[in-house]
Amino acid sequence: MHPEILRELSAQRGREMRDRAHRARLAKMARGSRRHGRDLPDDDFVIPVIPDYVDGSFRTDRPVGQVTSETGQTPAGRAA
C-alpha cells in the first residue's frame, strides 16, 4: 500500500480513537457526578411526542369509529 494512504489511515484511526476516548471520559464524568449527588446543568431538552401509528395518529381511549389522525384520516388497519 502507498505510504501516503497508510499515513492517512493511521491519522484517521488516531482521530477516531481520540474522539472515542473523549466521549468515554465525558460519560464517565456524567456518571460520577450523578453518583455523588451533583447534578449536571439542566438543559431545555424536551422529548418529542411520537405517534403510535404510521399515519401520525395517537392511540386514544375513544371508540374505534372515532379515532382519526391529525389529517382526519382513519388509521390504517381500521375498516370503515
C-alpha atoms as a PDB file:
ATOM      1  CA  MET A   1       0.000   0.000   0.000  1.00  0.00           C
ATOM      2  CA  HIS A   2       1.205   3.517  -0.744  1.00  0.00           C
ATOM      3  CA  PRO A   3       2.880   5.256   2.240  1.00  0.00           C
ATOM      4  CA  GLU A   4       0.585   8.307   1.994  1.00  0.00           C
ATOM      5  CA  ILE A   5      -2.503   6.120   2.192  1.00  0.00           C
ATOM      6  CA  LEU A   6      -1.078   4.273   5.199  1.00  0.00           C
ATOM      7  CA  ARG A   7      -0.251   7.579   6.884  1.00  0.00           C
ATOM      8  CA  GLU A   8      -3.761   8.930   6.267  1.00  0.00           C
ATOM      9  CA  LEU A   9      -5.385   5.719   7.530  1.00  0.00           C
ATOM     10  CA  SER A  10      -3.245   5.866  10.655  1.00  0.00           C
ATOM     11  CA  ALA A  11      -4.148   9.526  11.231  1.00  0.00           C
ATOM     12  CA  GLN A  12      -7.838   8.787  10.735  1.00  0.00           C
ATOM     13  CA  ARG A  13      -7.692   5.909  13.215  1.00  0.00           C
ATOM     14  CA  GLY A  14      -5.923   8.160  15.718  1.00  0.00           C
ATOM     15  CA  ARG A  15      -8.613  10.846  15.382  1.00  0.00           C
ATOM     16  CA  GLU A  16     -11.370   8.273  15.835  1.00  0.00           C
ATOM     17  CA  MET A  17      -9.710   6.803  18.926  1.00  0.00           C
ATOM     18  CA  ARG A  18      -9.172  10.252  20.487  1.00  0.00           C
ATOM     19  CA  ASP A  19     -12.829  11.140  19.823  1.00  0.00           C
ATOM     20  CA  ARG A  20     -13.962   7.848  21.341  1.00  0.00           C
ATOM     21  CA  ALA A  21     -11.786   8.412  24.417  1.00  0.00           C
ATOM     22  CA  HIS A  22     -13.169  11.938  24.791  1.00  0.00           C
ATOM     23  CA  ARG A  23     -16.775  10.692  24.660  1.00  0.00           C
ATOM     24  CA  ALA A  24     -15.974   7.940  27.168  1.00  0.00           C
ATOM     25  CA  ARG A  25     -14.371  10.493  29.500  1.00  0.00           C
ATOM     26  CA  LEU A  26     -17.475  12.729  29.292  1.00  0.00           C
ATOM     27  CA  ALA A  27     -19.750   9.769  30.027  1.00  0.00           C
ATOM     28  CA  LYS A  28     -17.618   8.756  32.997  1.00  0.00           C
ATOM     29  CA  MET A  29     -17.742  12.299  34.375  1.00  0.00           C
ATOM     30  CA  ALA A  30     -21.535  12.389  33.990  1.00  0.00           C
ATOM     31  CA  ARG A  31     -21.961   9.052  35.759  1.00  0.00           C
ATOM     32  CA  GLY A  32     -19.617  10.112  38.536  1.00  0.00           C
ATOM     33  CA  SER A  33     -21.359  13.406  39.160  1.00  0.00           C
ATOM     34  CA  ARG A  34     -24.760  11.700  39.260  1.00  0.00           C
ATOM     35  CA  ARG A  35     -23.423   9.026  41.594  1.00  0.00           C
ATOM     36  CA  HIS A  36     -22.034  11.596  44.020  1.00  0.00           C
ATOM     37  CA  GLY A  37     -25.233  13.624  44.078  1.00  0.00           C
ATOM     38  CA  ARG A  38     -24.031  16.521  41.988  1.00  0.00           C
ATOM     39  CA  ASP A  39     -26.461  17.486  39.278  1.00  0.00           C
ATOM     40  CA  LEU A  40     -25.375  18.346  35.802  1.00  0.00           C
ATOM     41  CA  PRO A  41     -26.666  21.626  34.426  1.00  0.00           C
ATOM     42  CA  ASP A  42     -30.225  21.272  33.212  1.00  0.00           C
ATOM     43  CA  ASP A  43     -30.768  21.696  29.535  1.00  0.00           C
ATOM     44  CA  ASP A  44     -34.071  22.524  27.903  1.00  0.00           C
ATOM     45  CA  PHE A  45     -34.279  19.246  26.011  1.00  0.00           C
ATOM     46  CA  VAL A  46     -37.855  18.107  25.530  1.00  0.00           C
ATOM     47  CA  ILE A  47     -38.640  14.632  24.285  1.00  0.00           C
ATOM     48  CA  PRO A  48     -40.796  14.980  21.164  1.00  0.00           C
ATOM     49  CA  VAL A  49     -44.167  13.273  21.027  1.00  0.00           C
ATOM     50  CA  ILE A  50     -44.004  10.092  18.961  1.00  0.00           C
ATOM     51  CA  PRO A  51     -47.163   8.958  17.164  1.00  0.00           C
ATOM     52  CA  ASP A  52     -48.463   5.477  17.916  1.00  0.00           C
ATOM     53  CA  TYR A  53     -49.367   4.737  14.316  1.00  0.00           C
ATOM     54  CA  VAL A  54     -47.646   5.138  10.951  1.00  0.00           C
ATOM     55  CA  ASP A  55     -50.169   7.678   9.704  1.00  0.00           C
ATOM     56  CA  GLY A  56     -49.282  10.040  12.566  1.00  0.00           C
ATOM     57  CA  SER A  57     -52.253   9.319  14.809  1.00  0.00           C
ATOM     58  CA  PHE A  58     -52.126   8.620  18.504  1.00  0.00           C
ATOM     59  CA  ARG A  59     -53.730   5.833  20.487  1.00  0.00           C
ATOM     60  CA  THR A  60     -56.694   7.069  22.489  1.00  0.00           C
ATOM     61  CA  ASP A  61     -59.386   5.602  24.686  1.00  0.00           C
ATOM     62  CA  ARG A  62     -62.123   6.705  22.280  1.00  0.00           C
ATOM     63  CA  PRO A  63     -64.220   4.116  20.457  1.00  0.00           C
ATOM     64  CA  VAL A  64     -62.630   2.701  17.299  1.00  0.00           C
ATOM     65  CA  GLY A  65     -65.010   4.574  14.987  1.00  0.00           C
ATOM     66  CA  GLN A  66     -63.972   7.969  16.381  1.00  0.00           C
ATOM     67  CA  VAL A  67     -60.192   7.549  16.114  1.00  0.00           C
ATOM     68  CA  THR A  68     -58.631   9.710  13.361  1.00  0.00           C
ATOM     69  CA  SER A  69     -55.233  11.200  12.599  1.00  0.00           C
ATOM     70  CA  GLU A  70     -54.359  14.885  12.542  1.00  0.00           C
ATOM     71  CA  THR A  71     -55.273  14.963   8.844  1.00  0.00           C
ATOM     72  CA  GLY A  72     -58.668  13.418   9.547  1.00  0.00           C
ATOM     73  CA  GLN A  73     -57.844  10.058   8.020  1.00  0.00           C
ATOM     74  CA  THR A  74     -58.846   6.832   9.678  1.00  0.00           C
ATOM     75  CA  PRO A  75     -55.727   4.904  10.822  1.00  0.00           C
ATOM     76  CA  ALA A  76     -54.568   2.088   8.556  1.00  0.00           C
ATOM     77  CA  GLY A  77     -55.997  -1.274   9.507  1.00  0.00           C
ATOM     78  CA  ARG A  78     -59.299   0.195  10.666  1.00  0.00           C
ATOM     79  CA  ALA A  79     -62.041  -0.978   8.336  1.00  0.00           C
ATOM     80  CA  ALA A  80     -64.640   1.685   7.662  1.00  0.00           C
END
